């Protein structure tokens, strides 16, 4: 990781620390659609699999049509044949994927139907990061920006030392609001690696008082201590990391956040900035990943207090991020970046 004081170079890679339900999905979509740059997240792996499934369906339909033409009769329905052929094709692909060594797999850019571009990896899981590293991600130069919740793993395996330094940026949100939003989101988000079916039958109060409730996830992630007790030194280390390394954004100040990210990373495309501010600056806008859910309104209520008591260090880190937000605003202006 490089420090903020050094100016950004073209070989530096912006790495967005994706803290779930803090506006990260909107930022990810913003760079893919407005800036039209190539990202590495989980999307590339998903899109590649969807494209392979579409190809399997097409091949199955063509094979089914040819078989019926040659046999001159329909022994099974067209849909049954398509489904059977797709299953057989996926078995072949899955077996070949498991057997194929990394040197027979290749990194490349996949393009979604709407033109969004992603590297064909998943850098949001440890397994995906390890695979991307084995395939030579760090030296490939394919990704213009990386989105991941796993900062330390990404720094160790996806960057290339002096040749490709990481430049950290993130959006921060009140921890209690974020955790409440995350709970309601994970009640339905079966596709997320952190999904737990127990959430579906729980109330927010039950979640807040249960061992499943988050406990200082941000600080734990920064100091690489996901289990066990935290020490006073841990919050000090976490603060120092974001002070030295991170361009801070705030969900409550998304318009200015977008402008700061744009200026710091040297994106000169004014049309892209206009697109980003018009479509992604308003929390809960049409381009965001927001979802409607009940709010916790009373900071003195039992549920709020239960979540707060488990996340006191994250709350202190968030309060410090607000301080940095104001300090960085002055620094960016003094450096003529705003």
C-alpha atoms as a PDB file:
ATOM      1  CA  UNK A   1       0.000   0.000   0.000  1.00  0.00           C
ATOM      2  CA  UNK A   2       1.161   3.497  -0.804  1.00  0.00           C
ATOM      3  CA  UNK A   3       0.699   6.547   1.402  1.00  0.00           C
ATOM      4  CA  UNK A   4      -1.658   9.362   0.472  1.00  0.00           C
ATOM      5  CA  UNK A   5       1.099  11.961   0.410  1.00  0.00           C
ATOM      6  CA  UNK A   6       2.669  10.508  -2.712  1.00  0.00           C
ATOM      7  CA  UNK A   7       0.953  11.470  -5.940  1.00  0.00           C
ATOM      8  CA  UNK A   8      -0.896   8.760  -7.838  1.00  0.00           C
ATOM      9  CA  UNK A   9       0.976   7.172 -10.729  1.00  0.00           C
ATOM     10  CA  UNK A  10      -0.570   5.406 -13.689  1.00  0.00           C
ATOM     11  CA  UNK A  11       0.779   2.054 -12.518  1.00  0.00           C
ATOM     12  CA  UNK A  12      -0.922   2.397  -9.118  1.00  0.00           C
ATOM     13  CA  UNK A  13      -4.082   0.351  -8.649  1.00  0.00           C
ATOM     14  CA  UNK A  14      -7.040   1.881  -6.785  1.00  0.00           C
ATOM     15  CA  UNK A  15      -8.425  -0.679  -4.331  1.00  0.00           C
ATOM     16  CA  UNK A  16     -11.853  -0.003  -2.882  1.00  0.00           C
ATOM     17  CA  UNK A  17     -12.373  -1.462   0.573  1.00  0.00           C
ATOM     18  CA  UNK A  18     -15.921  -2.757   0.223  1.00  0.00           C
ATOM     19  CA  UNK A  19     -17.631  -2.650   3.612  1.00  0.00           C
ATOM     20  CA  UNK A  20     -21.045  -4.160   2.935  1.00  0.00           C
ATOM     21  CA  UNK A  21     -24.032  -1.773   2.935  1.00  0.00           C
ATOM     22  CA  UNK A  22     -21.887   1.358   2.923  1.00  0.00           C
ATOM     23  CA  UNK A  23     -22.468   2.404  -0.676  1.00  0.00           C
ATOM     24  CA  UNK A  24     -19.837   0.149  -2.217  1.00  0.00           C
ATOM     25  CA  UNK A  25     -22.130  -1.509  -4.751  1.00  0.00           C
ATOM     26  CA  UNK A  26     -23.111   1.896  -6.088  1.00  0.00           C
ATOM     27  CA  UNK A  27     -19.452   2.925  -6.411  1.00  0.00           C
ATOM     28  CA  UNK A  28     -18.664  -0.325  -8.212  1.00  0.00           C
ATOM     29  CA  UNK A  29     -21.495   0.142 -10.684  1.00  0.00           C
ATOM     30  CA  UNK A  30     -20.576   3.807 -11.130  1.00  0.00           C
ATOM     31  CA  UNK A  31     -17.044   3.041 -12.327  1.00  0.00           C
ATOM     32  CA  UNK A  32     -18.258   0.283 -14.638  1.00  0.00           C
ATOM     33  CA  UNK A  33     -21.016   2.351 -16.259  1.00  0.00           C
ATOM     34  CA  UNK A  34     -19.984   6.004 -16.116  1.00  0.00           C
ATOM     35  CA  UNK A  35     -16.205   5.630 -16.320  1.00  0.00           C
ATOM     36  CA  UNK A  36     -16.323   2.429 -18.377  1.00  0.00           C
ATOM     37  CA  UNK A  37     -13.130   1.096 -16.820  1.00  0.00           C
ATOM     38  CA  UNK A  38     -12.306  -2.544 -16.144  1.00  0.00           C
ATOM     39  CA  UNK A  39     -12.955  -3.720 -12.592  1.00  0.00           C
ATOM     40  CA  UNK A  40     -12.047  -6.751 -10.545  1.00  0.00           C
ATOM     41  CA  UNK A  41     -14.678  -7.816  -8.024  1.00  0.00           C
ATOM     42  CA  UNK A  42     -16.972 -10.840  -7.962  1.00  0.00           C
ATOM     43  CA  UNK A  43     -18.867  -9.720 -11.058  1.00  0.00           C
ATOM     44  CA  UNK A  44     -16.429 -11.040 -13.649  1.00  0.00           C
ATOM     45  CA  UNK A  45     -16.704 -14.609 -12.400  1.00  0.00           C
ATOM     46  CA  UNK A  46     -20.507 -14.354 -12.289  1.00  0.00           C
ATOM     47  CA  UNK A  47     -20.764 -12.893 -15.782  1.00  0.00           C
ATOM     48  CA  UNK A  48     -18.421 -15.507 -17.235  1.00  0.00           C
ATOM     49  CA  UNK A  49     -20.514 -18.305 -15.726  1.00  0.00           C
ATOM     50  CA  UNK A  50     -23.731 -16.735 -17.054  1.00  0.00           C
ATOM     51  CA  UNK A  51     -22.185 -16.520 -20.515  1.00  0.00           C
ATOM     52  CA  UNK A  52     -21.100 -20.148 -20.310  1.00  0.00           C
ATOM     53  CA  UNK A  53     -24.631 -21.134 -19.293  1.00  0.00           C
ATOM     54  CA  UNK A  54     -26.068 -19.210 -22.233  1.00  0.00           C
ATOM     55  CA  UNK A  55     -23.604 -20.949 -24.546  1.00  0.00           C
ATOM     56  CA  UNK A  56     -24.582 -24.325 -23.092  1.00  0.00           C
ATOM     57  CA  UNK A  57     -28.270 -23.611 -23.724  1.00  0.00           C
ATOM     58  CA  UNK A  58     -27.545 -22.548 -27.292  1.00  0.00           C
ATOM     59  CA  UNK A  59     -25.441 -25.645 -27.981  1.00  0.00           C
ATOM     60  CA  UNK A  60     -28.067 -27.863 -26.388  1.00  0.00           C
ATOM     61  CA  UNK A  61     -30.832 -26.385 -28.510  1.00  0.00           C
ATOM     62  CA  UNK A  62     -28.778 -26.761 -31.678  1.00  0.00           C
ATOM     63  CA  UNK A  63     -27.826 -30.335 -30.789  1.00  0.00           C
ATOM     64  CA  UNK A  64     -31.433 -31.170 -29.985  1.00  0.00           C
ATOM     65  CA  UNK A  65     -32.679 -29.756 -33.279  1.00  0.00           C
ATOM     66  CA  UNK A  66     -30.048 -31.698 -35.213  1.00  0.00           C
ATOM     67  CA  UNK A  67     -30.817 -34.934 -33.385  1.00  0.00           C
ATOM     68  CA  UNK A  68     -34.541 -34.645 -34.046  1.00  0.00           C
ATOM     69  CA  UNK A  69     -33.869 -33.847 -37.698  1.00  0.00           C
ATOM     70  CA  UNK A  70     -31.703 -36.932 -38.113  1.00  0.00           C
ATOM     71  CA  UNK A  71     -34.018 -39.276 -36.228  1.00  0.00           C
ATOM     72  CA  UNK A  72     -37.133 -37.806 -37.752  1.00  0.00           C
ATOM     73  CA  UNK A  73     -39.108 -38.135 -34.561  1.00  0.00           C
ATOM     74  CA  UNK A  74     -39.402 -36.626 -31.090  1.00  0.00           C
ATOM     75  CA  UNK A  75     -38.742 -39.296 -28.501  1.00  0.00           C
ATOM     76  CA  UNK A  76     -38.462 -36.618 -25.792  1.00  0.00           C
ATOM     77  CA  UNK A  77     -39.805 -33.097 -25.617  1.00  0.00           C
ATOM     78  CA  UNK A  78     -37.515 -30.289 -26.840  1.00  0.00           C
ATOM     79  CA  UNK A  79     -37.312 -28.806 -23.320  1.00  0.00           C
ATOM     80  CA  UNK A  80     -36.391 -32.151 -21.756  1.00  0.00           C
ATOM     81  CA  UNK A  81     -33.631 -32.581 -24.316  1.00  0.00           C
ATOM     82  CA  UNK A  82     -32.268 -29.068 -23.704  1.00  0.00           C
ATOM     83  CA  UNK A  83     -32.225 -29.555 -19.937  1.00  0.00           C
ATOM     84  CA  UNK A  84     -30.549 -32.954 -20.241  1.00  0.00           C
ATOM     85  CA  UNK A  85     -27.898 -31.616 -22.598  1.00  0.00           C
ATOM     86  CA  UNK A  86     -27.179 -28.576 -20.405  1.00  0.00           C
ATOM     87  CA  UNK A  87     -26.648 -30.811 -17.381  1.00  0.00           C
ATOM     88  CA  UNK A  88     -24.310 -33.070 -19.339  1.00  0.00           C
ATOM     89  CA  UNK A  89     -22.360 -30.087 -20.674  1.00  0.00           C
ATOM     90  CA  UNK A  90     -21.971 -28.572 -17.202  1.00  0.00           C
ATOM     91  CA  UNK A  91     -20.692 -31.883 -15.863  1.00  0.00           C
ATOM     92  CA  UNK A  92     -17.991 -31.829 -18.553  1.00  0.00           C
ATOM     93  CA  UNK A  93     -17.096 -28.169 -17.805  1.00  0.00           C
ATOM     94  CA  UNK A  94     -17.065 -28.687 -14.038  1.00  0.00           C
ATOM     95  CA  UNK A  95     -14.834 -31.748 -14.325  1.00  0.00           C
ATOM     96  CA  UNK A  96     -12.453 -29.988 -16.706  1.00  0.00           C
ATOM     97  CA  UNK A  97     -12.334 -26.915 -14.460  1.00  0.00           C
ATOM     98  CA  UNK A  98     -11.461 -29.057 -11.446  1.00  0.00           C
ATOM     99  CA  UNK A  99      -8.827 -31.006 -13.333  1.00  0.00           C
ATOM    100  CA  UNK A 100      -7.291 -28.142 -15.291  1.00  0.00           C
ATOM    101  CA  UNK A 101      -4.154 -26.716 -13.652  1.00  0.00           C
ATOM    102  CA  UNK A 102      -3.881 -22.953 -13.303  1.00  0.00           C
ATOM    103  CA  UNK A 103      -1.415 -22.727 -16.174  1.00  0.00           C
ATOM    104  CA  UNK A 104      -4.165 -23.934 -18.514  1.00  0.00           C
ATOM    105  CA  UNK A 105      -6.585 -21.225 -17.355  1.00  0.00           C
ATOM    106  CA  UNK A 106      -6.298 -17.623 -18.479  1.00  0.00           C
ATOM    107  CA  UNK A 107      -7.203 -14.232 -17.147  1.00  0.00           C
ATOM    108  CA  UNK A 108      -9.228 -12.138 -19.513  1.00  0.00           C
ATOM    109  CA  UNK A 109     -11.816  -9.378 -19.568  1.00  0.00           C
ATOM    110  CA  UNK A 110     -15.477 -10.332 -19.818  1.00  0.00           C
ATOM    111  CA  UNK A 111     -18.021  -7.849 -21.119  1.00  0.00           C
ATOM    112  CA  UNK A 112     -21.605  -7.777 -19.862  1.00  0.00           C
ATOM    113  CA  UNK A 113     -24.525  -7.182 -22.208  1.00  0.00           C
ATOM    114  CA  UNK A 114     -24.668  -3.524 -21.189  1.00  0.00           C
ATOM    115  CA  UNK A 115     -20.947  -3.011 -21.862  1.00  0.00           C
ATOM    116  CA  UNK A 116     -19.593  -3.259 -18.298  1.00  0.00           C
ATOM    117  CA  UNK A 117     -16.092  -4.780 -18.211  1.00  0.00           C
ATOM    118  CA  UNK A 118     -14.656  -7.065 -15.538  1.00  0.00           C
ATOM    119  CA  UNK A 119     -11.705  -9.406 -15.099  1.00  0.00           C
ATOM    120  CA  UNK A 120     -12.932 -13.014 -14.948  1.00  0.00           C
ATOM    121  CA  UNK A 121     -12.078 -13.553 -11.273  1.00  0.00           C
ATOM    122  CA  UNK A 122     -13.734 -13.216  -7.879  1.00  0.00           C
ATOM    123  CA  UNK A 123     -11.538 -11.120  -5.562  1.00  0.00           C
ATOM    124  CA  UNK A 124     -14.121 -10.943  -2.780  1.00  0.00           C
ATOM    125  CA  UNK A 125     -13.224 -14.371  -1.334  1.00  0.00           C
ATOM    126  CA  UNK A 126      -9.932 -15.820  -0.148  1.00  0.00           C
ATOM    127  CA  UNK A 127     -10.205 -18.701  -2.613  1.00  0.00           C
ATOM    128  CA  UNK A 128     -10.868 -16.319  -5.487  1.00  0.00           C
ATOM    129  CA  UNK A 129      -7.954 -14.059  -4.547  1.00  0.00           C
ATOM    130  CA  UNK A 130      -5.593 -17.037  -4.323  1.00  0.00           C
ATOM    131  CA  UNK A 131      -6.725 -18.237  -7.756  1.00  0.00           C
ATOM    132  CA  UNK A 132      -6.315 -14.774  -9.277  1.00  0.00           C
ATOM    133  CA  UNK A 133      -2.807 -14.593  -7.836  1.00  0.00           C
ATOM    134  CA  UNK A 134      -1.841 -17.978  -9.292  1.00  0.00           C
ATOM    135  CA  UNK A 135      -3.077 -16.814 -12.686  1.00  0.00           C
ATOM    136  CA  UNK A 136      -0.779 -13.784 -12.590  1.00  0.00           C
ATOM    137  CA  UNK A 137      -3.310 -11.076 -11.747  1.00  0.00           C
ATOM    138  CA  UNK A 138      -0.752  -8.680 -10.231  1.00  0.00           C
ATOM    139  CA  UNK A 139       1.351  -8.405 -13.377  1.00  0.00           C
ATOM    140  CA  UNK A 140      -1.525  -8.701 -15.862  1.00  0.00           C
ATOM    141  CA  UNK A 141      -2.524  -5.029 -15.781  1.00  0.00           C
ATOM    142  CA  UNK A 142      -6.088  -5.992 -16.700  1.00  0.00           C
ATOM    143  CA  UNK A 143      -7.892  -4.278 -13.818  1.00  0.00           C
ATOM    144  CA  UNK A 144      -8.148  -0.502 -13.537  1.00  0.00           C
ATOM    145  CA  UNK A 145      -9.733  -0.786 -10.076  1.00  0.00           C
ATOM    146  CA  UNK A 146     -10.260  -3.560  -7.507  1.00  0.00           C
ATOM    147  CA  UNK A 147     -13.276  -3.963  -5.195  1.00  0.00           C
ATOM    148  CA  UNK A 148     -12.820  -6.277  -2.228  1.00  0.00           C
ATOM    149  CA  UNK A 149     -13.602  -6.566   1.495  1.00  0.00           C
ATOM    150  CA  UNK A 150     -10.295  -8.422   2.003  1.00  0.00           C
ATOM    151  CA  UNK A 151      -7.645  -5.709   2.101  1.00  0.00           C
ATOM    152  CA  UNK A 152      -4.722  -7.592   3.573  1.00  0.00           C
ATOM    153  CA  UNK A 153      -5.167 -10.643   1.373  1.00  0.00           C
ATOM    154  CA  UNK A 154      -5.458  -8.418  -1.690  1.00  0.00           C
ATOM    155  CA  UNK A 155      -2.327  -6.464  -0.769  1.00  0.00           C
ATOM    156  CA  UNK A 156      -0.344  -9.666  -0.329  1.00  0.00           C
ATOM    157  CA  UNK A 157      -1.530 -11.539  -3.412  1.00  0.00           C
ATOM    158  CA  UNK A 158      -2.928  -9.076  -5.973  1.00  0.00           C
ATOM    159  CA  UNK A 159      -0.295  -6.353  -5.927  1.00  0.00           C
ATOM    160  CA  UNK A 160       3.203  -6.471  -7.351  1.00  0.00           C
ATOM    161  CA  UNK A 161       5.370  -4.611  -4.851  1.00  0.00           C
ATOM    162  CA  UNK A 162       7.048  -1.553  -6.324  1.00  0.00           C
ATOM    163  CA  UNK A 163       5.580  -2.166  -9.761  1.00  0.00           C
ATOM    164  CA  UNK A 164       1.906  -2.047  -8.769  1.00  0.00           C
ATOM    165  CA  UNK A 165       1.126  -0.342  -5.478  1.00  0.00           C
ATOM    166  CA  UNK A 166      -2.378  -0.223  -4.079  1.00  0.00           C
ATOM    167  CA  UNK A 167      -4.198   3.037  -3.376  1.00  0.00           C
ATOM    168  CA  UNK A 168      -6.944   2.496  -0.811  1.00  0.00           C
ATOM    169  CA  UNK A 169     -10.305   4.251  -0.855  1.00  0.00           C
ATOM    170  CA  UNK A 170     -13.559   3.513   0.982  1.00  0.00           C
ATOM    171  CA  UNK A 171     -16.988   4.824   1.913  1.00  0.00           C
ATOM    172  CA  UNK A 172     -17.880   4.874   5.608  1.00  0.00           C
ATOM    173  CA  UNK A 173     -21.319   4.700   7.206  1.00  0.00           C
ATOM    174  CA  UNK A 174     -22.628   4.772  10.771  1.00  0.00           C
ATOM    175  CA  UNK A 175     -21.959   1.223  12.035  1.00  0.00           C
ATOM    176  CA  UNK A 176     -25.369   0.768  13.670  1.00  0.00           C
ATOM    177  CA  UNK A 177     -27.236   1.900  10.534  1.00  0.00           C
ATOM    178  CA  UNK A 178     -24.975  -0.265   8.381  1.00  0.00           C
ATOM    179  CA  UNK A 179     -25.473  -3.401  10.489  1.00  0.00           C
ATOM    180  CA  UNK A 180     -29.251  -2.955  10.560  1.00  0.00           C
ATOM    181  CA  UNK A 181     -29.266  -2.571   6.778  1.00  0.00           C
ATOM    182  CA  UNK A 182     -26.965  -5.575   6.387  1.00  0.00           C
ATOM    183  CA  UNK A 183     -29.232  -7.769   8.534  1.00  0.00           C
ATOM    184  CA  UNK A 184     -32.325  -7.068   6.421  1.00  0.00           C
ATOM    185  CA  UNK A 185     -30.302  -7.475   3.239  1.00  0.00           C
ATOM    186  CA  UNK A 186     -28.883 -10.844   4.280  1.00  0.00           C
ATOM    187  CA  UNK A 187     -32.344 -12.139   5.111  1.00  0.00           C
ATOM    188  CA  UNK A 188     -32.865 -12.381   1.345  1.00  0.00           C
ATOM    189  CA  UNK A 189     -29.402 -12.267  -0.262  1.00  0.00           C
ATOM    190  CA  UNK A 190     -28.859 -15.990  -0.747  1.00  0.00           C
ATOM    191  CA  UNK A 191     -26.131 -15.252  -3.305  1.00  0.00           C
ATOM    192  CA  UNK A 192     -23.845 -13.547  -0.781  1.00  0.00           C
ATOM    193  CA  UNK A 193     -20.977 -15.573   0.757  1.00  0.00           C
ATOM    194  CA  UNK A 194     -22.035 -14.243   4.188  1.00  0.00           C
ATOM    195  CA  UNK A 195     -25.666 -15.366   3.791  1.00  0.00           C
ATOM    196  CA  UNK A 196     -27.019 -17.384   6.717  1.00  0.00           C
ATOM    197  CA  UNK A 197     -30.485 -19.006   6.478  1.00  0.00           C
ATOM    198  CA  UNK A 198     -30.991 -18.366  10.186  1.00  0.00           C
ATOM    199  CA  UNK A 199     -31.442 -14.655   9.436  1.00  0.00           C
ATOM    200  CA  UNK A 200     -34.696 -15.272   7.562  1.00  0.00           C
ATOM    201  CA  UNK A 201     -36.595 -16.257  10.692  1.00  0.00           C
ATOM    202  CA  UNK A 202     -35.022 -13.746  13.078  1.00  0.00           C
ATOM    203  CA  UNK A 203     -36.106 -10.266  14.145  1.00  0.00           C
ATOM    204  CA  UNK A 204     -33.590  -7.437  14.269  1.00  0.00           C
ATOM    205  CA  UNK A 205     -33.755  -7.540  18.069  1.00  0.00           C
ATOM    206  CA  UNK A 206     -32.992 -11.269  18.126  1.00  0.00           C
ATOM    207  CA  UNK A 207     -30.111 -10.691  15.733  1.00  0.00           C
ATOM    208  CA  UNK A 208     -28.731  -7.818  17.826  1.00  0.00           C
ATOM    209  CA  UNK A 209     -28.608 -10.012  20.929  1.00  0.00           C
ATOM    210  CA  UNK A 210     -27.281 -13.102  19.147  1.00  0.00           C
ATOM    211  CA  UNK A 211     -23.692 -14.221  18.486  1.00  0.00           C
ATOM    212  CA  UNK A 212     -24.400 -13.709  14.761  1.00  0.00           C
ATOM    213  CA  UNK A 213     -24.422  -9.929  15.122  1.00  0.00           C
ATOM    214  CA  UNK A 214     -21.335  -8.219  13.724  1.00  0.00           C
ATOM    215  CA  UNK A 215     -18.718  -7.157  16.238  1.00  0.00           C
ATOM    216  CA  UNK A 216     -16.255  -4.459  15.124  1.00  0.00           C
ATOM    217  CA  UNK A 217     -15.854  -5.921  11.630  1.00  0.00           C
ATOM    218  CA  UNK A 218     -14.025  -2.886  10.252  1.00  0.00           C
ATOM    219  CA  UNK A 219     -11.370  -2.734  12.948  1.00  0.00           C
ATOM    220  CA  UNK A 220     -10.944  -6.513  12.935  1.00  0.00           C
ATOM    221  CA  UNK A 221     -10.483  -6.500   9.169  1.00  0.00           C
ATOM    222  CA  UNK A 222      -7.875  -3.740   9.260  1.00  0.00           C
ATOM    223  CA  UNK A 223      -5.790  -5.348  12.014  1.00  0.00           C
ATOM    224  CA  UNK A 224      -6.344  -8.920  10.768  1.00  0.00           C
ATOM    225  CA  UNK A 225      -7.919 -10.152  14.000  1.00  0.00           C
ATOM    226  CA  UNK A 226     -11.319 -11.560  13.031  1.00  0.00           C
ATOM    227  CA  UNK A 227     -11.723 -13.551  16.246  1.00  0.00           C
ATOM    228  CA  UNK A 228     -10.902 -13.078  19.889  1.00  0.00           C
ATOM    229  CA  UNK A 229     -10.743  -9.939  22.032  1.00  0.00           C
ATOM    230  CA  UNK A 230      -9.499  -6.633  20.678  1.00  0.00           C
ATOM    231  CA  UNK A 231      -6.955  -4.461  22.471  1.00  0.00           C
ATOM    232  CA  UNK A 232      -6.776  -0.640  22.768  1.00  0.00           C
ATOM    233  CA  UNK A 233      -3.787  -0.791  20.427  1.00  0.00           C
ATOM    234  CA  UNK A 234      -5.991  -2.311  17.705  1.00  0.00           C
ATOM    235  CA  UNK A 235      -8.146   0.780  17.287  1.00  0.00           C
ATOM    236  CA  UNK A 236      -4.989   2.904  17.233  1.00  0.00           C
ATOM    237  CA  UNK A 237      -3.548   0.761  14.425  1.00  0.00           C
ATOM    238  CA  UNK A 238      -6.821   0.854  12.471  1.00  0.00           C
ATOM    239  CA  UNK A 239      -6.956   4.654  12.730  1.00  0.00           C
ATOM    240  CA  UNK A 240      -3.375   4.984  11.565  1.00  0.00           C
ATOM    241  CA  UNK A 241      -4.017   2.748   8.554  1.00  0.00           C
ATOM    242  CA  UNK A 242      -6.894   4.842   7.266  1.00  0.00           C
ATOM    243  CA  UNK A 243      -5.052   8.075   8.126  1.00  0.00           C
ATOM    244  CA  UNK A 244      -1.993   7.134   6.088  1.00  0.00           C
ATOM    245  CA  UNK A 245      -3.502   4.996   3.345  1.00  0.00           C
ATOM    246  CA  UNK A 246      -7.180   5.737   2.714  1.00  0.00           C
ATOM    247  CA  UNK A 247      -9.086   8.371   0.784  1.00  0.00           C
ATOM    248  CA  UNK A 248     -12.181   8.615   2.939  1.00  0.00           C
ATOM    249  CA  UNK A 249     -15.711   8.875   1.567  1.00  0.00           C
ATOM    250  CA  UNK A 250     -18.939   9.205   3.510  1.00  0.00           C
ATOM    251  CA  UNK A 251     -22.268   7.707   2.512  1.00  0.00           C
ATOM    252  CA  UNK A 252     -23.974  10.814   3.885  1.00  0.00           C
ATOM    253  CA  UNK A 253     -21.826  12.983   1.561  1.00  0.00           C
ATOM    254  CA  UNK A 254     -21.896  10.895  -1.578  1.00  0.00           C
ATOM    255  CA  UNK A 255     -21.767  13.741  -4.101  1.00  0.00           C
ATOM    256  CA  UNK A 256     -18.601  15.201  -2.590  1.00  0.00           C
ATOM    257  CA  UNK A 257     -17.218  11.681  -2.088  1.00  0.00           C
ATOM    258  CA  UNK A 258     -17.555  10.960  -5.800  1.00  0.00           C
ATOM    259  CA  UNK A 259     -15.864  14.255  -6.645  1.00  0.00           C
ATOM    260  CA  UNK A 260     -12.945  13.556  -4.327  1.00  0.00           C
ATOM    261  CA  UNK A 261     -12.380  10.046  -5.683  1.00  0.00           C
ATOM    262  CA  UNK A 262     -12.496  11.450  -9.205  1.00  0.00           C
ATOM    263  CA  UNK A 263      -9.933  14.144  -8.462  1.00  0.00           C
ATOM    264  CA  UNK A 264      -7.521  12.072  -6.372  1.00  0.00           C
ATOM    265  CA  UNK A 265      -7.207   9.238  -8.878  1.00  0.00           C
ATOM    266  CA  UNK A 266      -6.767  11.624 -11.787  1.00  0.00           C
ATOM    267  CA  UNK A 267      -9.840  10.642 -13.764  1.00  0.00           C
ATOM    268  CA  UNK A 268      -9.977  13.492 -16.278  1.00  0.00           C
ATOM    269  CA  UNK A 269     -13.257  12.529 -17.933  1.00  0.00           C
ATOM    270  CA  UNK A 270     -15.671  15.311 -16.987  1.00  0.00           C
ATOM    271  CA  UNK A 271     -18.556  13.545 -18.735  1.00  0.00           C
ATOM    272  CA  UNK A 272     -17.986  10.506 -16.532  1.00  0.00           C
ATOM    273  CA  UNK A 273     -18.009  12.687 -13.414  1.00  0.00           C
ATOM    274  CA  UNK A 274     -21.276  14.288 -14.487  1.00  0.00           C
ATOM    275  CA  UNK A 275     -22.788  10.833 -15.093  1.00  0.00           C
ATOM    276  CA  UNK A 276     -21.583   9.645 -11.689  1.00  0.00           C
ATOM    277  CA  UNK A 277     -22.959  12.618  -9.766  1.00  0.00           C
ATOM    278  CA  UNK A 278     -26.300  12.543 -11.553  1.00  0.00           C
ATOM    279  CA  UNK A 279     -26.875   8.821 -11.127  1.00  0.00           C
ATOM    280  CA  UNK A 280     -25.043   7.763  -7.974  1.00  0.00           C
ATOM    281  CA  UNK A 281     -24.780  10.761  -5.659  1.00  0.00           C
ATOM    282  CA  UNK A 282     -28.190  10.319  -4.034  1.00  0.00           C
ATOM    283  CA  UNK A 283     -28.394   7.505  -1.499  1.00  0.00           C
ATOM    284  CA  UNK A 284     -31.242   5.207  -2.401  1.00  0.00           C
ATOM    285  CA  UNK A 285     -31.268   6.420  -6.001  1.00  0.00           C
ATOM    286  CA  UNK A 286     -32.241   4.289  -8.958  1.00  0.00           C
ATOM    287  CA  UNK A 287     -28.629   3.180  -9.553  1.00  0.00           C
ATOM    288  CA  UNK A 288     -27.844   2.214  -5.966  1.00  0.00           C
ATOM    289  CA  UNK A 289     -28.040  -1.156  -4.222  1.00  0.00           C
ATOM    290  CA  UNK A 290     -30.291   0.225  -1.492  1.00  0.00           C
ATOM    291  CA  UNK A 291     -33.243  -1.728  -0.177  1.00  0.00           C
ATOM    292  CA  UNK A 292     -36.163  -0.585   1.897  1.00  0.00           C
ATOM    293  CA  UNK A 293     -36.313  -1.914   5.430  1.00  0.00           C
ATOM    294  CA  UNK A 294     -37.468  -0.838   8.904  1.00  0.00           C
ATOM    295  CA  UNK A 295     -35.211   1.682  10.621  1.00  0.00           C
ATOM    296  CA  UNK A 296     -33.943   1.821  14.170  1.00  0.00           C
ATOM    297  CA  UNK A 297     -35.009   5.268  15.304  1.00  0.00           C
ATOM    298  CA  UNK A 298     -34.228   5.292  19.026  1.00  0.00           C
ATOM    299  CA  UNK A 299     -30.528   5.370  20.019  1.00  0.00           C
ATOM    300  CA  UNK A 300     -31.619   4.658  23.574  1.00  0.00           C
ATOM    301  CA  UNK A 301     -33.617   1.575  22.627  1.00  0.00           C
ATOM    302  CA  UNK A 302     -32.516  -1.925  23.637  1.00  0.00           C
ATOM    303  CA  UNK A 303     -31.830  -3.111  20.108  1.00  0.00           C
ATOM    304  CA  UNK A 304     -29.729  -0.082  19.201  1.00  0.00           C
ATOM    305  CA  UNK A 305     -27.775  -0.359  22.444  1.00  0.00           C
ATOM    306  CA  UNK A 306     -27.121  -4.061  21.893  1.00  0.00           C
ATOM    307  CA  UNK A 307     -25.640  -3.427  18.435  1.00  0.00           C
ATOM    308  CA  UNK A 308     -23.714  -0.397  19.649  1.00  0.00           C
ATOM    309  CA  UNK A 309     -22.165  -2.264  22.590  1.00  0.00           C
ATOM    310  CA  UNK A 310     -20.775  -4.901  20.222  1.00  0.00           C
ATOM    311  CA  UNK A 311     -19.315  -2.326  17.850  1.00  0.00           C
ATOM    312  CA  UNK A 312     -17.820   0.409  20.010  1.00  0.00           C
ATOM    313  CA  UNK A 313     -14.455   0.279  18.264  1.00  0.00           C
ATOM    314  CA  UNK A 314     -16.062   0.486  14.819  1.00  0.00           C
ATOM    315  CA  UNK A 315     -18.046   3.481  16.039  1.00  0.00           C
ATOM    316  CA  UNK A 316     -14.823   5.157  17.169  1.00  0.00           C
ATOM    317  CA  UNK A 317     -13.262   4.373  13.805  1.00  0.00           C
ATOM    318  CA  UNK A 318     -16.264   5.870  12.014  1.00  0.00           C
ATOM    319  CA  UNK A 319     -16.051   9.023  14.121  1.00  0.00           C
ATOM    320  CA  UNK A 320     -12.359   9.253  13.253  1.00  0.00           C
ATOM    321  CA  UNK A 321     -13.188   8.777   9.557  1.00  0.00           C
ATOM    322  CA  UNK A 322     -15.458  11.838   9.792  1.00  0.00           C
ATOM    323  CA  UNK A 323     -12.536  13.825  11.220  1.00  0.00           C
ATOM    324  CA  UNK A 324     -10.324  12.625   8.368  1.00  0.00           C
ATOM    325  CA  UNK A 325     -13.030  13.563   5.879  1.00  0.00           C
ATOM    326  CA  UNK A 326     -12.764  17.196   6.937  1.00  0.00           C
ATOM    327  CA  UNK A 327      -8.955  17.132   7.100  1.00  0.00           C
ATOM    328  CA  UNK A 328      -8.632  15.520   3.684  1.00  0.00           C
ATOM    329  CA  UNK A 329     -10.965  18.104   2.177  1.00  0.00           C
ATOM    330  CA  UNK A 330      -8.552  20.851   3.169  1.00  0.00           C
ATOM    331  CA  UNK A 331      -5.530  18.823   2.058  1.00  0.00           C
ATOM    332  CA  UNK A 332      -7.032  18.083  -1.368  1.00  0.00           C
ATOM    333  CA  UNK A 333      -7.758  21.763  -1.865  1.00  0.00           C
ATOM    334  CA  UNK A 334      -4.238  22.748  -0.840  1.00  0.00           C
ATOM    335  CA  UNK A 335      -2.859  20.225  -3.317  1.00  0.00           C
ATOM    336  CA  UNK A 336      -5.110  21.660  -6.048  1.00  0.00           C
ATOM    337  CA  UNK A 337      -6.930  18.367  -6.394  1.00  0.00           C
ATOM    338  CA  UNK A 338     -10.349  19.953  -5.834  1.00  0.00           C
END
